Protein backbone atom coordinates (compact mmCIF):
# COMPACT_ATOMS: atom_id res chain seq x y z
CA MET A 1 12.84 18.37 8.77
CA THR A 2 10.99 21.69 8.52
CA ASP A 3 7.54 21.94 6.97
CA LEU A 4 9.04 23.82 4.03
CA ILE A 5 11.64 21.15 3.32
CA LEU A 6 8.99 18.43 3.63
CA SER A 7 6.74 20.30 1.21
CA GLU A 8 9.63 20.57 -1.25
CA SER A 9 10.47 16.86 -0.87
CA LEU A 10 6.85 15.94 -1.47
CA ALA A 11 6.68 18.15 -4.55
CA ALA A 12 9.89 16.62 -5.92
CA THR A 13 8.51 13.12 -5.33
CA ARG A 14 5.31 14.01 -7.15
CA ARG A 15 7.35 15.32 -10.07
CA ARG A 16 9.32 12.08 -10.12
CA LEU A 17 6.11 10.05 -10.23
CA ALA A 18 4.65 12.29 -12.92
CA GLN A 19 7.77 11.91 -15.08
CA ALA A 20 7.74 8.13 -14.60
CA LEU A 21 4.15 8.04 -15.84
CA VAL A 22 5.06 10.14 -18.88
CA ASN A 23 7.98 7.83 -19.64
CA ALA A 24 5.70 4.82 -19.37
CA GLY A 25 3.14 6.39 -21.71
CA ARG A 26 0.49 6.33 -18.99
CA PRO A 27 -2.08 9.00 -18.02
CA ALA A 28 -1.05 11.48 -15.34
CA ASP A 29 -3.68 10.19 -12.91
CA ASP A 30 -2.92 6.49 -13.46
CA ALA A 31 -0.93 6.06 -10.24
CA ARG A 32 -0.97 7.83 -6.93
CA LEU A 33 1.48 8.34 -4.14
CA LEU A 34 1.17 6.50 -0.84
CA ALA A 35 3.31 8.34 1.71
CA VAL A 36 4.86 5.78 4.05
CA SER A 37 4.79 7.59 7.37
CA LYS A 38 5.90 4.83 9.76
CA THR A 39 8.20 6.13 12.53
CA LYS A 40 7.39 9.73 11.54
CA PRO A 41 5.59 12.03 13.98
CA ALA A 42 2.05 13.24 13.48
CA GLY A 43 3.31 16.76 12.83
CA MET A 44 5.10 15.63 9.69
CA ILE A 45 1.99 13.86 8.46
CA ARG A 46 -0.04 17.02 9.07
CA ALA A 47 2.51 19.06 7.09
CA ALA A 48 2.29 16.59 4.19
CA TRP A 49 -1.50 16.72 4.35
CA GLN A 50 -1.35 20.51 4.23
CA SER A 51 0.67 20.12 1.01
CA GLY A 52 -2.09 18.03 -0.52
CA GLN A 53 -1.08 14.47 0.38
CA ARG A 54 -4.02 12.31 1.45
CA ASP A 55 -2.90 8.65 1.44
CA PHE A 56 -0.59 7.53 4.28
CA GLY A 57 0.83 4.08 4.98
CA GLU A 58 1.60 2.75 8.44
CA ASN A 59 3.34 -0.47 9.52
CA TYR A 60 3.05 -0.42 13.31
CA LEU A 61 -0.44 -0.54 14.72
CA GLN A 62 -0.09 1.16 18.11
CA GLU A 63 2.04 3.95 16.64
CA ALA A 64 -0.53 4.43 13.88
CA LEU A 65 -3.48 4.55 16.27
CA ALA A 66 -1.79 7.26 18.34
CA LYS A 67 -1.17 9.35 15.23
CA GLN A 68 -4.71 8.82 13.99
CA ALA A 69 -6.06 10.13 17.29
CA GLU A 70 -3.83 13.19 17.08
CA LEU A 71 -4.88 13.85 13.48
CA SER A 72 -8.58 13.08 13.88
CA ASP A 73 -9.52 16.56 12.60
CA LEU A 74 -8.20 15.65 9.12
CA GLU A 75 -11.43 14.09 7.93
CA ASP A 76 -10.34 13.25 4.39
CA ILE A 77 -7.07 11.54 5.30
CA VAL A 78 -6.86 7.93 4.05
CA TRP A 79 -5.03 5.43 6.23
CA HIS A 80 -3.42 2.32 4.72
CA PHE A 81 -2.08 -0.52 6.87
CA ILE A 82 0.93 -1.93 5.01
CA GLY A 83 2.77 -3.95 7.67
CA PRO A 84 2.62 -7.61 8.69
CA LEU A 85 -0.75 -8.43 10.18
CA GLN A 86 -1.22 -10.85 13.08
CA SER A 87 -4.54 -12.12 14.35
CA ASN A 88 -4.41 -10.04 17.54
CA LYS A 89 -4.25 -6.81 15.47
CA THR A 90 -7.08 -7.40 13.04
CA ARG A 91 -9.90 -5.82 15.06
CA GLU A 92 -8.22 -2.42 15.43
CA VAL A 93 -7.05 -2.48 11.81
CA ALA A 94 -10.59 -3.29 10.66
CA GLU A 95 -11.94 -0.44 12.75
CA HIS A 96 -9.41 2.28 11.92
CA PHE A 97 -8.09 1.84 8.38
CA SER A 98 -9.51 2.23 4.88
CA TRP A 99 -6.98 -0.06 3.21
CA VAL A 100 -4.98 -3.15 4.16
CA HIS A 101 -2.16 -4.16 1.80
CA SER A 102 -0.82 -7.17 3.66
CA VAL A 103 -3.51 -9.88 3.62
CA ASP A 104 -1.82 -13.21 2.89
CA ARG A 105 -4.09 -15.86 4.35
CA GLU A 106 -7.79 -16.57 4.65
CA LYS A 107 -7.80 -16.54 8.47
CA ILE A 108 -6.67 -12.90 8.54
CA ALA A 109 -9.16 -11.93 5.83
CA ARG A 110 -11.98 -13.64 7.72
CA ARG A 111 -11.17 -11.79 10.92
CA LEU A 112 -11.00 -8.44 9.12
CA ASN A 113 -14.36 -9.15 7.50
CA ASP A 114 -16.04 -10.20 10.74
CA GLN A 115 -14.58 -7.26 12.69
CA ARG A 116 -15.21 -4.47 10.17
CA PRO A 117 -17.85 -2.17 11.66
CA ALA A 118 -21.11 -2.16 9.71
CA SER A 119 -21.11 1.63 9.82
CA LEU A 120 -18.01 1.78 7.62
CA GLU A 121 -17.53 1.17 3.92
CA PRO A 122 -16.05 -2.22 3.00
CA LEU A 123 -12.35 -2.46 3.78
CA ASN A 124 -10.16 -2.19 0.67
CA VAL A 125 -7.80 -5.16 0.57
CA CYS A 126 -4.68 -6.06 -1.38
CA LEU A 127 -3.29 -9.58 -1.20
CA GLN A 128 0.40 -9.60 -0.38
CA VAL A 129 2.39 -11.80 -2.75
CA ASN A 130 5.83 -13.19 -1.96
CA ILE A 131 6.85 -12.41 -5.51
CA SER A 132 10.57 -13.15 -5.04
CA ALA A 133 9.91 -16.34 -3.01
CA GLU A 134 11.98 -15.09 -0.07
CA THR A 135 11.78 -17.14 3.12
CA SER A 136 12.09 -13.94 5.17
CA LYS A 137 9.09 -12.26 3.53
CA SER A 138 5.40 -12.55 4.19
CA GLY A 139 3.02 -13.19 1.35
CA VAL A 140 1.14 -15.83 -0.57
CA MET A 141 2.73 -17.62 -3.52
CA VAL A 142 1.34 -16.82 -6.97
CA ASP A 143 -0.12 -20.29 -7.49
CA GLU A 144 -2.09 -19.91 -4.24
CA LEU A 145 -3.65 -16.59 -5.25
CA PRO A 146 -6.82 -17.83 -6.98
CA GLU A 147 -7.97 -19.80 -3.92
CA LEU A 148 -7.33 -16.91 -1.53
CA ALA A 149 -8.91 -14.36 -3.90
CA ALA A 150 -12.02 -16.52 -4.30
CA ALA A 151 -12.42 -16.67 -0.51
CA VAL A 152 -11.95 -12.92 -0.02
CA LEU A 153 -14.41 -12.09 -2.80
CA LYS A 154 -17.12 -13.87 -0.81
CA MET A 155 -16.57 -11.64 2.24
CA PRO A 156 -19.07 -8.75 2.16
CA ALA A 157 -17.15 -6.39 4.45
CA LEU A 158 -14.02 -6.60 2.29
CA ARG A 159 -13.41 -5.21 -1.19
CA LEU A 160 -10.60 -7.02 -2.97
CA ARG A 161 -8.75 -4.36 -4.95
CA GLY A 162 -5.54 -6.03 -6.09
CA LEU A 163 -2.06 -7.18 -5.15
CA MET A 164 0.92 -5.89 -3.18
CA ALA A 165 4.53 -7.04 -3.16
CA ILE A 166 7.92 -6.07 -1.77
CA PRO A 167 10.41 -7.59 -4.22
CA ALA A 168 13.98 -8.41 -3.32
CA PRO A 169 16.26 -5.39 -3.93
CA ALA A 170 17.90 -5.18 -7.34
CA GLU A 171 20.37 -2.68 -8.75
CA ASP A 172 19.47 -2.24 -12.40
CA MET A 173 16.16 -1.49 -14.07
CA ALA A 174 15.86 -4.81 -15.90
CA ALA A 175 16.35 -6.80 -12.70
CA GLN A 176 13.91 -4.57 -10.84
CA ARG A 177 11.24 -5.05 -13.48
CA LYS A 178 11.23 -8.86 -13.51
CA PRO A 179 9.40 -9.50 -10.19
CA LEU A 180 7.17 -6.47 -10.76
CA ALA A 181 6.17 -7.91 -14.13
CA ARG A 182 5.30 -11.19 -12.42
CA LEU A 183 3.01 -9.31 -10.03
CA ARG A 184 1.32 -7.52 -12.94
CA GLN A 185 0.83 -10.84 -14.70
CA ALA A 186 -0.64 -12.33 -11.51
CA LEU A 187 -3.19 -9.52 -11.34
CA GLU A 188 -4.06 -10.03 -15.01
CA MET A 189 -4.60 -13.72 -14.26
CA LEU A 190 -6.98 -12.87 -11.42
CA ARG A 191 -8.87 -10.41 -13.62
CA GLU A 192 -9.47 -13.14 -16.19
CA ARG A 193 -10.60 -15.57 -13.52
CA PHE A 194 -12.79 -13.08 -11.65
CA PRO A 195 -14.02 -10.60 -14.31
CA ASP A 196 -16.60 -8.98 -12.03
CA ALA A 197 -14.14 -8.14 -9.23
CA PRO A 198 -12.87 -4.54 -8.86
CA LEU A 199 -9.24 -5.57 -9.34
CA ASP A 200 -7.69 -2.21 -10.17
CA THR A 201 -4.70 -1.94 -7.81
CA LEU A 202 -1.03 -2.85 -7.99
CA SER A 203 0.64 -1.67 -4.78
CA MET A 204 4.32 -1.83 -5.69
CA GLY A 205 7.29 0.42 -6.05
CA MET A 206 9.31 2.22 -3.39
CA SER A 207 11.95 4.92 -3.38
CA ALA A 208 14.56 2.73 -5.11
CA ASP A 209 12.38 1.21 -7.84
CA LEU A 210 9.55 3.67 -8.50
CA GLU A 211 10.34 4.00 -12.21
CA ALA A 212 10.46 0.25 -12.76
CA ALA A 213 7.17 -0.18 -10.91
CA VAL A 214 5.41 2.48 -12.98
CA LEU A 215 6.65 0.83 -16.18
CA GLU A 216 5.04 -2.41 -14.98
CA GLY A 217 1.70 -0.83 -14.11
CA ALA A 218 1.87 0.24 -10.45
CA THR A 219 -1.18 2.20 -9.34
CA LEU A 220 -0.05 2.87 -5.75
CA VAL A 221 3.63 3.57 -5.12
CA ARG A 222 4.80 3.48 -1.51
CA LEU A 223 7.46 6.09 -0.78
CA GLY A 224 8.73 7.11 2.62
CA THR A 225 12.38 8.16 2.61
CA ALA A 226 11.99 10.30 -0.52
CA ILE A 227 9.30 12.35 1.25
CA PHE A 228 10.15 12.27 4.96
CA GLY A 229 13.89 11.63 4.95
CA GLU A 230 15.76 8.76 6.56
CA ARG A 231 14.01 6.68 9.17
CA GLY A 232 14.19 7.89 12.70
CA THR A 233 13.08 6.26 15.89
CA VAL A 234 9.51 5.13 16.24
CA ALA A 235 7.20 8.03 17.06
CA HIS A 236 5.17 7.86 20.25
C-alpha cells in the first residue's frame, strides 16, 4: 500500500466515523479512531501519523517494541496495547504504552501498577469484558466487574478509564448492537457505583460493526483493515 492510498483509506475511515456520529446524534469529537497497526510495518504507521493519526493499537509486544524504537522521533504518538496480556509481558507494557485495553484480572493490574515507571503519567486502563460469554475469549464477566474495578481504582499508577470488549461477530445491526449495549450498560453501572472515577471510555467497534458501536456510545473504535488493508505477515 502506497502512502497516498493509505492516506485516502484513513480519510475515508474518518468520514465513516464522522457520519456514524452524525447518525447517532452525537458530537463530532465524541469518539476517536484507534488505528490497529498489528502486523503492519513502521513505515505504514509513520505514513498514517503524517496524515494526522495519533492513536495506534498493537497486539504483539515484541513487534510493537521494535516499531516504537523505529518511530521514537514521533513524540506525540500514543501507543495502546490491545492484545492478551500475560504476566511476563507486563513490565515492558507498563514501561512503553500509554493505554492498556486488555486488563481482565487483578494480578495483571497489580503488576502493571507496580512496574509503571514513576516518571510516567498513570497508565490508562480499560477492563476487558467477555461480553458474549465466549469460552475462547479473554475478559472478565459483567458480574465480576465491580470487584475488579474497585481493586484497580486503588492502584495509584493506573487510571481506570472504562471498558473494552470484542463481541462475537454478527451480521445485522440489531444483533451487533445487543452485546455493545450490554457493555454500555456495564459502564453505566460502574459510573453509578464509583461516581468519582474517570470512567469515560468505551473501547468497542471494529471495521465490521463501527456504526453499531457508535450508536451504543463507543468512544474509541479500533479499526485496522479499513485503514491498512488486509492483514499481512507479522512485521519485524
